[in-house]
Amino acid sequence: MRIYPAVDIKDGKCVRLKMGDASNKTVYFENPLDAAKSFAEAGSKVIHVVDLDGAFGGSIANMEVISKIAGLGMFVELGGGLRDEASVRRAFDAGVGRAIIGTKACTNPEFAISLAEKYGDKIAVGIDAKSGKVAIKGWVEVSDLTAFELAEKLARGGVRMFIYTDIDTDGMLSGPNIPSQKKMLETLLPFGAYLIASGGVSSEEDICDFIELGKSFKNLEGVIVGKAIYEGRVDLRNVINKLSCR
């Protein structure tokens, strides 16, 4: 299991939102590149980047700084505004290692399946849920489809990498929704698909809970940690060292 420190970019700055609410944000770095550098210095080999402007607006808006983050040498997975193949290729050309398809995977599952068929594990589907239902377009709209129904359909189609965010806990520092993440792991396991869990990590103890979960579910590929790092509740270097010792 790997820890993916998160950089969310809005209006050119590194921010964190509460429960996906764009009006309820905290700015942690004026320049997102500085946040990424701090993660690299802590020993992280991977990073999770979200272009929130792209997620709300429908197309990538911060590619220049994303390219600079990729230039630091970490494996970059990127979500937000990737709603056509041209955007995905643009992200890859900028040094992104994995493109996360969110809204388009819900509105057009066949699009995500075709990309996964073409690019393999370089494509992940990001499934974000409010009260179990899939949220799209920067979390401002909620579909009638449950997160687990969508995941099963996409996994049956050949998608092998998923990121599941529980919006109700995201940015709240209230602890992750472990039962929901476990259910997603159970949904994906029969298809050989992997999960990166996201939402609610508030302490190193929460990460330990995921480590325990990973002992039962080998398809737990990683955990995304954002606000807990920025607020000093999780020492990134410390948890990376703990994982490397296991």
C-alpha atoms as a PDB file:
ATOM      1  CA  MET A   1       0.000   0.000   0.000  1.00  0.00           C
ATOM      2  CA  ARG A   2       1.209   3.487  -0.851  1.00  0.00           C
ATOM      3  CA  ILE A   3       0.434   6.911   0.563  1.00  0.00           C
ATOM      4  CA  TYR A   4      -0.591   9.457  -2.057  1.00  0.00           C
ATOM      5  CA  PRO A   5      -0.191  12.998  -0.681  1.00  0.00           C
ATOM      6  CA  ALA A   6      -2.733  15.265  -2.348  1.00  0.00           C
ATOM      7  CA  VAL A   7      -2.443  18.625  -4.058  1.00  0.00           C
ATOM      8  CA  ASP A   8      -5.743  20.237  -5.039  1.00  0.00           C
ATOM      9  CA  ILE A   9      -5.383  23.281  -7.278  1.00  0.00           C
ATOM     10  CA  LYS A  10      -7.925  26.089  -7.456  1.00  0.00           C
ATOM     11  CA  ASP A  11      -7.333  29.595  -8.776  1.00  0.00           C
ATOM     12  CA  GLY A  12      -3.676  28.653  -9.139  1.00  0.00           C
ATOM     13  CA  LYS A  13      -3.259  27.845  -5.429  1.00  0.00           C
ATOM     14  CA  CYS A  14      -2.981  24.701  -3.326  1.00  0.00           C
ATOM     15  CA  VAL A  15      -6.238  24.405  -1.390  1.00  0.00           C
ATOM     16  CA  ARG A  16      -8.414  21.940   0.475  1.00  0.00           C
ATOM     17  CA  LEU A  17     -12.193  21.976   0.362  1.00  0.00           C
ATOM     18  CA  LYS A  18     -14.634  20.744   2.971  1.00  0.00           C
ATOM     19  CA  MET A  19     -16.973  18.076   1.594  1.00  0.00           C
ATOM     20  CA  GLY A  20     -16.308  19.300  -1.943  1.00  0.00           C
ATOM     21  CA  ASP A  21     -17.725  22.763  -1.307  1.00  0.00           C
ATOM     22  CA  ALA A  22     -15.833  25.244  -3.496  1.00  0.00           C
ATOM     23  CA  SER A  23     -16.922  28.131  -1.282  1.00  0.00           C
ATOM     24  CA  ASN A  24     -15.455  26.469   1.812  1.00  0.00           C
ATOM     25  CA  LYS A  25     -11.764  26.303   1.024  1.00  0.00           C
ATOM     26  CA  THR A  26      -8.504  26.805   2.859  1.00  0.00           C
ATOM     27  CA  VAL A  27      -5.371  27.933   1.020  1.00  0.00           C
ATOM     28  CA  TYR A  28      -2.253  26.110   2.216  1.00  0.00           C
ATOM     29  CA  PHE A  29       0.273  27.128  -0.446  1.00  0.00           C
ATOM     30  CA  GLU A  30       0.170  30.066  -2.830  1.00  0.00           C
ATOM     31  CA  ASN A  31       2.120  27.902  -5.271  1.00  0.00           C
ATOM     32  CA  PRO A  32       1.093  24.211  -5.556  1.00  0.00           C
ATOM     33  CA  LEU A  33       4.619  23.389  -6.686  1.00  0.00           C
ATOM     34  CA  ASP A  34       5.881  24.227  -3.198  1.00  0.00           C
ATOM     35  CA  ALA A  35       3.485  21.692  -1.692  1.00  0.00           C
ATOM     36  CA  ALA A  36       4.669  19.042  -4.143  1.00  0.00           C
ATOM     37  CA  LYS A  37       8.307  19.822  -3.357  1.00  0.00           C
ATOM     38  CA  SER A  38       7.633  19.318   0.364  1.00  0.00           C
ATOM     39  CA  PHE A  39       6.175  15.887  -0.394  1.00  0.00           C
ATOM     40  CA  ALA A  40       9.164  14.929  -2.531  1.00  0.00           C
ATOM     41  CA  GLU A  41      11.514  16.071   0.227  1.00  0.00           C
ATOM     42  CA  ALA A  42       9.600  13.878   2.691  1.00  0.00           C
ATOM     43  CA  GLY A  43      10.390  10.889   0.500  1.00  0.00           C
ATOM     44  CA  SER A  44       7.181  10.442  -1.457  1.00  0.00           C
ATOM     45  CA  LYS A  45       7.504   8.777  -4.845  1.00  0.00           C
ATOM     46  CA  VAL A  46       3.867   9.396  -5.778  1.00  0.00           C
ATOM     47  CA  ILE A  47       1.449  12.324  -5.698  1.00  0.00           C
ATOM     48  CA  HIS A  48      -2.270  12.801  -6.287  1.00  0.00           C
ATOM     49  CA  VAL A  49      -3.140  16.044  -8.078  1.00  0.00           C
ATOM     50  CA  VAL A  50      -6.607  17.434  -8.716  1.00  0.00           C
ATOM     51  CA  ASP A  51      -7.250  20.382 -11.003  1.00  0.00           C
ATOM     52  CA  LEU A  52     -10.354  21.714  -9.251  1.00  0.00           C
ATOM     53  CA  ASP A  53     -10.749  24.475 -11.815  1.00  0.00           C
ATOM     54  CA  GLY A  54     -10.828  21.750 -14.443  1.00  0.00           C
ATOM     55  CA  ALA A  55     -13.318  19.703 -12.445  1.00  0.00           C
ATOM     56  CA  PHE A  56     -15.716  22.631 -12.072  1.00  0.00           C
ATOM     57  CA  GLY A  57     -15.090  24.108 -15.516  1.00  0.00           C
ATOM     58  CA  GLY A  58     -14.921  20.951 -17.611  1.00  0.00           C
ATOM     59  CA  SER A  59     -11.376  21.211 -18.992  1.00  0.00           C
ATOM     60  CA  ILE A  60      -7.844  21.283 -17.586  1.00  0.00           C
ATOM     61  CA  ALA A  61      -6.938  24.776 -16.367  1.00  0.00           C
ATOM     62  CA  ASN A  62      -3.610  24.397 -14.543  1.00  0.00           C
ATOM     63  CA  MET A  63      -1.443  22.336 -16.869  1.00  0.00           C
ATOM     64  CA  GLU A  64       1.605  24.588 -16.554  1.00  0.00           C
ATOM     65  CA  VAL A  65       2.048  23.982 -12.819  1.00  0.00           C
ATOM     66  CA  ILE A  66       1.009  20.329 -13.202  1.00  0.00           C
ATOM     67  CA  SER A  67       3.839  19.887 -15.709  1.00  0.00           C
ATOM     68  CA  LYS A  68       6.264  21.433 -13.214  1.00  0.00           C
ATOM     69  CA  ILE A  69       5.051  19.051 -10.505  1.00  0.00           C
ATOM     70  CA  ALA A  70       5.628  16.129 -12.865  1.00  0.00           C
ATOM     71  CA  GLY A  71       9.131  17.470 -13.430  1.00  0.00           C
ATOM     72  CA  LEU A  72       9.992  16.776  -9.779  1.00  0.00           C
ATOM     73  CA  GLY A  73      10.234  13.079 -10.590  1.00  0.00           C
ATOM     74  CA  MET A  74       7.308  11.688  -8.617  1.00  0.00           C
ATOM     75  CA  PHE A  75       4.652   9.507 -10.204  1.00  0.00           C
ATOM     76  CA  VAL A  76       1.750  11.892 -10.791  1.00  0.00           C
ATOM     77  CA  GLU A  77      -1.876  10.865 -11.017  1.00  0.00           C
ATOM     78  CA  LEU A  78      -4.149  13.655 -12.190  1.00  0.00           C
ATOM     79  CA  GLY A  79      -7.877  14.231 -12.032  1.00  0.00           C
ATOM     80  CA  GLY A  80     -10.148  17.143 -12.896  1.00  0.00           C
ATOM     81  CA  GLY A  81     -11.417  18.126 -16.326  1.00  0.00           C
ATOM     82  CA  LEU A  82     -10.219  15.037 -18.213  1.00  0.00           C
ATOM     83  CA  ARG A  83     -13.349  14.532 -20.274  1.00  0.00           C
ATOM     84  CA  ASP A  84     -11.970  13.648 -23.704  1.00  0.00           C
ATOM     85  CA  GLU A  85      -9.029  11.669 -25.031  1.00  0.00           C
ATOM     86  CA  ALA A  86      -7.215  14.780 -26.228  1.00  0.00           C
ATOM     87  CA  SER A  87      -7.073  16.049 -22.626  1.00  0.00           C
ATOM     88  CA  VAL A  88      -5.792  12.682 -21.457  1.00  0.00           C
ATOM     89  CA  ARG A  89      -3.026  12.698 -24.061  1.00  0.00           C
ATOM     90  CA  ARG A  90      -2.163  16.269 -23.121  1.00  0.00           C
ATOM     91  CA  ALA A  91      -1.776  15.182 -19.518  1.00  0.00           C
ATOM     92  CA  PHE A  92       0.482  12.293 -20.502  1.00  0.00           C
ATOM     93  CA  ASP A  93       2.582  14.618 -22.668  1.00  0.00           C
ATOM     94  CA  ALA A  94       3.024  16.856 -19.604  1.00  0.00           C
ATOM     95  CA  GLY A  95       4.514  13.972 -17.628  1.00  0.00           C
ATOM     96  CA  VAL A  96       1.418  12.684 -15.830  1.00  0.00           C
ATOM     97  CA  GLY A  97       1.659   8.965 -15.126  1.00  0.00           C
ATOM     98  CA  ARG A  98      -2.024   8.213 -14.577  1.00  0.00           C
ATOM     99  CA  ALA A  99      -5.125  10.050 -15.786  1.00  0.00           C
ATOM    100  CA  ILE A 100      -8.230   9.919 -13.609  1.00  0.00           C
ATOM    101  CA  ILE A 101     -11.568   9.918 -15.415  1.00  0.00           C
ATOM    102  CA  GLY A 102     -14.421  11.043 -13.192  1.00  0.00           C
ATOM    103  CA  THR A 103     -17.520  12.763 -14.558  1.00  0.00           C
ATOM    104  CA  LYS A 104     -17.202  11.245 -18.036  1.00  0.00           C
ATOM    105  CA  ALA A 105     -16.921   7.738 -16.575  1.00  0.00           C
ATOM    106  CA  CYS A 106     -20.347   8.207 -15.001  1.00  0.00           C
ATOM    107  CA  THR A 107     -22.068   9.871 -17.935  1.00  0.00           C
ATOM    108  CA  ASN A 108     -20.391   7.653 -20.544  1.00  0.00           C
ATOM    109  CA  PRO A 109     -18.901   4.469 -19.004  1.00  0.00           C
ATOM    110  CA  GLU A 110     -17.939   3.145 -22.430  1.00  0.00           C
ATOM    111  CA  PHE A 111     -15.542   6.097 -22.805  1.00  0.00           C
ATOM    112  CA  ALA A 112     -13.609   5.102 -19.671  1.00  0.00           C
ATOM    113  CA  ILE A 113     -13.641   1.434 -20.675  1.00  0.00           C
ATOM    114  CA  SER A 114     -12.202   2.256 -24.107  1.00  0.00           C
ATOM    115  CA  LEU A 115      -9.444   4.366 -22.573  1.00  0.00           C
ATOM    116  CA  ALA A 116      -8.554   1.598 -20.114  1.00  0.00           C
ATOM    117  CA  GLU A 117      -8.413  -0.843 -23.015  1.00  0.00           C
ATOM    118  CA  LYS A 118      -6.012   1.471 -24.852  1.00  0.00           C
ATOM    119  CA  TYR A 119      -3.835   2.767 -21.998  1.00  0.00           C
ATOM    120  CA  GLY A 120      -4.157   0.070 -19.317  1.00  0.00           C
ATOM    121  CA  ASP A 121      -3.284   1.068 -15.760  1.00  0.00           C
ATOM    122  CA  LYS A 122      -2.423   4.576 -16.902  1.00  0.00           C
ATOM    123  CA  ILE A 123      -6.173   5.153 -16.656  1.00  0.00           C
ATOM    124  CA  ALA A 124      -8.050   5.217 -13.364  1.00  0.00           C
ATOM    125  CA  VAL A 125     -11.700   5.930 -12.752  1.00  0.00           C
ATOM    126  CA  GLY A 126     -12.431   8.324  -9.920  1.00  0.00           C
ATOM    127  CA  ILE A 127     -15.727   7.561  -8.230  1.00  0.00           C
ATOM    128  CA  ASP A 128     -16.844  10.224  -5.772  1.00  0.00           C
ATOM    129  CA  ALA A 129     -19.912   9.564  -3.660  1.00  0.00           C
ATOM    130  CA  LYS A 130     -22.322  11.586  -1.534  1.00  0.00           C
ATOM    131  CA  SER A 131     -24.389   9.314   0.696  1.00  0.00           C
ATOM    132  CA  GLY A 132     -23.416   6.445  -1.563  1.00  0.00           C
ATOM    133  CA  LYS A 133     -24.541   8.093  -4.839  1.00  0.00           C
ATOM    134  CA  VAL A 134     -22.095   9.130  -7.555  1.00  0.00           C
ATOM    135  CA  ALA A 135     -21.329  12.864  -7.615  1.00  0.00           C
ATOM    136  CA  ILE A 136     -20.074  14.503 -10.819  1.00  0.00           C
ATOM    137  CA  LYS A 137     -18.964  17.835 -12.311  1.00  0.00           C
ATOM    138  CA  GLY A 138     -16.818  18.837  -9.363  1.00  0.00           C
ATOM    139  CA  TRP A 139     -19.276  17.185  -6.939  1.00  0.00           C
ATOM    140  CA  VAL A 140     -22.026  19.712  -7.696  1.00  0.00           C
ATOM    141  CA  GLU A 141     -24.405  17.148  -9.248  1.00  0.00           C
ATOM    142  CA  VAL A 142     -25.448  13.761  -7.856  1.00  0.00           C
ATOM    143  CA  SER A 143     -26.594  10.923 -10.101  1.00  0.00           C
ATOM    144  CA  ASP A 144     -29.103   8.166  -9.346  1.00  0.00           C
ATOM    145  CA  LEU A 145     -26.347   5.564  -9.684  1.00  0.00           C
ATOM    146  CA  THR A 146     -24.640   4.158  -6.600  1.00  0.00           C
ATOM    147  CA  ALA A 147     -20.850   4.147  -6.444  1.00  0.00           C
ATOM    148  CA  PHE A 148     -20.788   0.361  -6.253  1.00  0.00           C
ATOM    149  CA  GLU A 149     -23.072  -0.132  -9.264  1.00  0.00           C
ATOM    150  CA  LEU A 150     -20.853   2.111 -11.371  1.00  0.00           C
ATOM    151  CA  ALA A 151     -17.667   0.425 -10.139  1.00  0.00           C
ATOM    152  CA  GLU A 152     -18.976  -3.031 -10.963  1.00  0.00           C
ATOM    153  CA  LYS A 153     -20.035  -2.004 -14.457  1.00  0.00           C
ATOM    154  CA  LEU A 154     -16.667  -0.441 -15.212  1.00  0.00           C
ATOM    155  CA  ALA A 155     -14.669  -3.287 -13.687  1.00  0.00           C
ATOM    156  CA  ARG A 156     -16.658  -5.781 -15.749  1.00  0.00           C
ATOM    157  CA  GLY A 157     -15.704  -3.716 -18.781  1.00  0.00           C
ATOM    158  CA  GLY A 158     -11.998  -3.944 -18.010  1.00  0.00           C
ATOM    159  CA  VAL A 159     -11.118  -0.899 -15.910  1.00  0.00           C
ATOM    160  CA  ARG A 160      -8.488  -2.031 -13.404  1.00  0.00           C
ATOM    161  CA  MET A 161      -7.726   1.037 -11.279  1.00  0.00           C
ATOM    162  CA  PHE A 162     -10.234   2.993  -9.194  1.00  0.00           C
ATOM    163  CA  ILE A 163     -10.113   5.911  -6.776  1.00  0.00           C
ATOM    164  CA  TYR A 164     -13.054   6.058  -4.412  1.00  0.00           C
ATOM    165  CA  THR A 165     -13.715   9.255  -2.468  1.00  0.00           C
ATOM    166  CA  ASP A 166     -16.273   9.473   0.288  1.00  0.00           C
ATOM    167  CA  ILE A 167     -17.269  13.135  -0.043  1.00  0.00           C
ATOM    168  CA  ASP A 168     -19.107  13.215   3.264  1.00  0.00           C
ATOM    169  CA  THR A 169     -15.784  12.745   5.071  1.00  0.00           C
ATOM    170  CA  ASP A 170     -13.443  14.520   2.635  1.00  0.00           C
ATOM    171  CA  GLY A 171     -11.607  17.433   4.201  1.00  0.00           C
ATOM    172  CA  MET A 172     -13.417  16.977   7.518  1.00  0.00           C
ATOM    173  CA  LEU A 173     -10.603  15.290   9.484  1.00  0.00           C
ATOM    174  CA  SER A 174     -13.304  13.091  10.971  1.00  0.00           C
ATOM    175  CA  GLY A 175     -11.854   9.721  10.028  1.00  0.00           C
ATOM    176  CA  PRO A 176     -12.432   7.635   6.894  1.00  0.00           C
ATOM    177  CA  ASN A 177     -15.548   5.649   6.098  1.00  0.00           C
ATOM    178  CA  ILE A 178     -13.881   2.251   6.408  1.00  0.00           C
ATOM    179  CA  PRO A 179     -17.076   0.176   5.878  1.00  0.00           C
ATOM    180  CA  SER A 180     -17.755   1.974   2.604  1.00  0.00           C
ATOM    181  CA  GLN A 181     -14.167   1.533   1.411  1.00  0.00           C
ATOM    182  CA  LYS A 182     -14.334  -2.140   2.375  1.00  0.00           C
ATOM    183  CA  LYS A 183     -17.519  -2.567   0.340  1.00  0.00           C
ATOM    184  CA  MET A 184     -15.806  -0.994  -2.663  1.00  0.00           C
ATOM    185  CA  LEU A 185     -12.851  -3.365  -2.272  1.00  0.00           C
ATOM    186  CA  GLU A 186     -15.274  -6.281  -2.134  1.00  0.00           C
ATOM    187  CA  THR A 187     -16.995  -5.003  -5.278  1.00  0.00           C
ATOM    188  CA  LEU A 188     -13.753  -4.760  -7.249  1.00  0.00           C
ATOM    189  CA  LEU A 189     -11.963  -7.870  -5.997  1.00  0.00           C
ATOM    190  CA  PRO A 190     -13.682 -10.455  -8.247  1.00  0.00           C
ATOM    191  CA  PHE A 191     -12.578  -8.509 -11.323  1.00  0.00           C
ATOM    192  CA  GLY A 192      -8.922  -8.138 -10.334  1.00  0.00           C
ATOM    193  CA  ALA A 193      -9.339  -4.374 -10.013  1.00  0.00           C
ATOM    194  CA  TYR A 194      -7.443  -2.175  -7.559  1.00  0.00           C
ATOM    195  CA  LEU A 195      -8.541   0.649  -5.289  1.00  0.00           C
ATOM    196  CA  ILE A 196      -6.977   3.839  -3.993  1.00  0.00           C
ATOM    197  CA  ALA A 197      -9.055   5.039  -1.035  1.00  0.00           C
ATOM    198  CA  SER A 198      -9.735   8.708  -0.366  1.00  0.00           C
ATOM    199  CA  GLY A 199     -11.587  10.836   2.144  1.00  0.00           C
ATOM    200  CA  GLY A 200     -11.435  11.547   5.851  1.00  0.00           C
ATOM    201  CA  VAL A 201      -7.925  10.468   6.887  1.00  0.00           C
ATOM    202  CA  SER A 202      -7.240  12.505  10.020  1.00  0.00           C
ATOM    203  CA  SER A 203      -4.354  10.739  11.746  1.00  0.00           C
ATOM    204  CA  GLU A 204      -1.657   8.130  11.417  1.00  0.00           C
ATOM    205  CA  GLU A 205      -4.008   5.776  13.277  1.00  0.00           C
ATOM    206  CA  ASP A 206      -6.424   6.067  10.337  1.00  0.00           C
ATOM    207  CA  ILE A 207      -3.625   5.004   8.019  1.00  0.00           C
ATOM    208  CA  CYS A 208      -2.957   2.032  10.281  1.00  0.00           C
ATOM    209  CA  ASP A 209      -6.625   1.090   9.881  1.00  0.00           C
ATOM    210  CA  PHE A 210      -6.124   1.013   6.123  1.00  0.00           C
ATOM    211  CA  ILE A 211      -2.974  -1.068   6.542  1.00  0.00           C
ATOM    212  CA  GLU A 212      -5.040  -3.588   8.489  1.00  0.00           C
ATOM    213  CA  LEU A 213      -7.724  -3.504   5.797  1.00  0.00           C
ATOM    214  CA  GLY A 214      -5.052  -4.164   3.199  1.00  0.00           C
ATOM    215  CA  LYS A 215      -4.101  -7.395   4.945  1.00  0.00           C
ATOM    216  CA  SER A 216      -7.510  -8.770   3.980  1.00  0.00           C
ATOM    217  CA  PHE A 217      -7.802  -7.029   0.627  1.00  0.00           C
ATOM    218  CA  LYS A 218      -4.670  -7.189  -1.500  1.00  0.00           C
ATOM    219  CA  ASN A 219      -6.378  -4.960  -4.056  1.00  0.00           C
ATOM    220  CA  LEU A 220      -5.992  -1.910  -1.787  1.00  0.00           C
ATOM    221  CA  GLU A 221      -3.295  -0.122  -3.757  1.00  0.00           C
ATOM    222  CA  GLY A 222      -3.067   3.081  -1.759  1.00  0.00           C
ATOM    223  CA  VAL A 223      -4.595   5.814   0.356  1.00  0.00           C
ATOM    224  CA  ILE A 224      -4.841   9.522  -0.458  1.00  0.00           C
ATOM    225  CA  VAL A 225      -3.992  11.913   2.361  1.00  0.00           C
ATOM    226  CA  GLY A 226      -4.471  15.656   2.072  1.00  0.00           C
ATOM    227  CA  LYS A 227      -5.606  17.974   4.823  1.00  0.00           C
ATOM    228  CA  ALA A 228      -4.196  15.797   7.606  1.00  0.00           C
ATOM    229  CA  ILE A 229      -0.706  16.421   6.224  1.00  0.00           C
ATOM    230  CA  TYR A 230      -1.255  20.165   5.852  1.00  0.00           C
ATOM    231  CA  GLU A 231      -2.643  20.418   9.376  1.00  0.00           C
ATOM    232  CA  GLY A 232       0.302  18.502  10.854  1.00  0.00           C
ATOM    233  CA  ARG A 233      -1.760  15.519  11.961  1.00  0.00           C
ATOM    234  CA  VAL A 234       0.116  13.128   9.694  1.00  0.00           C
ATOM    235  CA  ASP A 235       3.899  13.209   9.322  1.00  0.00           C
ATOM    236  CA  LEU A 236       4.354  12.089   5.729  1.00  0.00           C
ATOM    237  CA  ARG A 237       7.987  11.076   6.151  1.00  0.00           C
ATOM    238  CA  ASN A 238       7.099   9.034   9.221  1.00  0.00           C
ATOM    239  CA  VAL A 239       4.272   7.072   7.586  1.00  0.00           C
ATOM    240  CA  ILE A 240       6.324   6.423   4.446  1.00  0.00           C
ATOM    241  CA  ASN A 241       9.111   5.025   6.620  1.00  0.00           C
ATOM    242  CA  LYS A 242       6.609   2.863   8.511  1.00  0.00           C
ATOM    243  CA  LEU A 243       5.259   1.405   5.298  1.00  0.00           C
ATOM    244  CA  SER A 244       8.737   0.727   3.919  1.00  0.00           C
ATOM    245  CA  CYS A 245       9.527  -1.315   7.027  1.00  0.00           C
ATOM    246  CA  ARG A 246       6.547  -3.634   6.547  1.00  0.00           C
END
